[in-house]
């Protein structure tokens, strides 16, 4: 009985009529090894991409924090300016 993995790689050594069981097995091992290498390569590429994205996220978070700080400062300046303007308008209306 062959497993799903055996079927995937057309491995049925017991039914090989030409005596090429070792050759079939060697081809299966080679195919699995190549697939494993391709997967390892893809995993490495994905890890590099993940690290780049994490660094970009860190930089964007720092940039956002700086912008939020500047925004808070500008909003404070605007409030102070509005208070001064209101005082001048009230003084002008009182005269």
Protein backbone atom coordinates (compact mmCIF):
# COMPACT_ATOMS: atom_id res chain seq x y z
CA UNK A 1 0.00 0.00 0.00
CA UNK A 2 1.44 3.36 -0.95
CA UNK A 3 0.91 6.55 0.98
CA UNK A 4 -0.33 9.84 -0.44
CA UNK A 5 3.28 11.06 -0.52
CA UNK A 6 4.33 7.98 -2.52
CA UNK A 7 1.55 8.58 -5.01
CA UNK A 8 2.57 12.21 -5.37
CA UNK A 9 6.07 11.20 -6.44
CA UNK A 10 4.94 8.15 -8.43
CA UNK A 11 6.80 5.86 -6.07
CA UNK A 12 5.82 2.24 -6.29
CA UNK A 13 9.10 0.36 -5.98
CA UNK A 14 7.41 -2.97 -5.26
CA UNK A 15 5.67 -2.97 -8.64
CA UNK A 16 8.71 -1.85 -10.67
CA UNK A 17 9.04 -4.52 -13.37
CA UNK A 18 12.31 -3.29 -14.85
CA UNK A 19 14.32 -3.53 -11.65
CA UNK A 20 14.70 0.23 -11.52
CA UNK A 21 13.42 0.56 -7.97
CA UNK A 22 16.62 2.21 -6.79
CA UNK A 23 16.52 4.64 -9.71
CA UNK A 24 12.91 5.53 -8.96
CA UNK A 25 13.75 6.01 -5.30
CA UNK A 26 16.79 8.13 -6.19
CA UNK A 27 14.62 10.33 -8.42
CA UNK A 28 12.05 10.71 -5.66
CA UNK A 29 14.77 11.66 -3.17
CA UNK A 30 16.23 14.13 -5.68
CA UNK A 31 12.80 15.68 -6.29
CA UNK A 32 12.11 15.96 -2.57
CA UNK A 33 15.57 17.44 -1.99
CA UNK A 34 15.03 20.01 -4.75
CA UNK A 35 11.61 20.88 -3.38
CA UNK A 36 13.07 21.19 0.12
CA UNK A 37 15.81 23.49 -1.16
CA UNK A 38 13.25 25.63 -3.00
CA UNK A 39 11.15 25.87 0.17
CA UNK A 40 14.19 26.77 2.28
CA UNK A 41 15.12 29.46 -0.25
CA UNK A 42 11.59 30.85 -0.19
CA UNK A 43 11.55 30.81 3.63
CA UNK A 44 14.84 32.72 3.69
CA UNK A 45 13.48 35.28 1.22
CA UNK A 46 10.34 35.68 3.31
CA UNK A 47 12.40 36.14 6.50
CA UNK A 48 14.47 38.85 4.80
CA UNK A 49 11.29 40.56 3.60
CA UNK A 50 9.79 40.28 7.10
CA UNK A 51 12.89 41.88 8.63
CA UNK A 52 12.78 44.69 6.07
CA UNK A 53 9.10 45.30 6.77
CA UNK A 54 9.69 45.28 10.53
CA UNK A 55 12.45 47.88 10.10
CA UNK A 56 10.18 49.97 7.88
CA UNK A 57 7.39 49.65 10.47
CA UNK A 58 9.79 50.84 13.19
CA UNK A 59 10.86 53.83 11.10
CA UNK A 60 7.25 54.70 10.28
CA UNK A 61 6.28 54.42 13.95
CA UNK A 62 9.09 56.81 14.88
CA UNK A 63 8.02 59.19 12.12
CA UNK A 64 4.39 59.01 13.29
CA UNK A 65 5.41 59.74 16.89
CA UNK A 66 7.38 62.79 15.72
CA UNK A 67 4.45 64.04 13.63
CA UNK A 68 2.06 63.54 16.54
CA UNK A 69 4.41 65.50 18.80
CA UNK A 70 4.63 68.33 16.25
CA UNK A 71 0.85 68.27 15.87
CA UNK A 72 0.40 68.58 19.63
CA UNK A 73 2.78 71.57 19.65
CA UNK A 74 0.95 73.24 16.76
CA UNK A 75 -2.43 72.66 18.39
CA UNK A 76 -1.12 74.19 21.63
CA UNK A 77 0.20 77.22 19.71
CA UNK A 78 -3.18 77.58 18.01
CA UNK A 79 -5.02 77.49 21.34
CA UNK A 80 -2.72 80.14 22.82
CA UNK A 81 -3.11 82.29 19.71
CA UNK A 82 -6.90 81.95 19.87
CA UNK A 83 -6.91 82.91 23.57
CA UNK A 84 -4.79 86.00 22.84
CA UNK A 85 -7.03 86.91 19.90
CA UNK A 86 -10.14 86.48 22.05
CA UNK A 87 -8.64 88.72 24.74
CA UNK A 88 -7.83 91.43 22.18
CA UNK A 89 -11.31 91.21 20.70
CA UNK A 90 -12.89 91.47 24.15
CA UNK A 91 -10.67 94.45 25.03
CA UNK A 92 -11.55 96.10 21.73
CA UNK A 93 -15.27 95.55 22.33
CA UNK A 94 -14.96 96.99 25.85
CA UNK A 95 -13.55 100.29 24.56
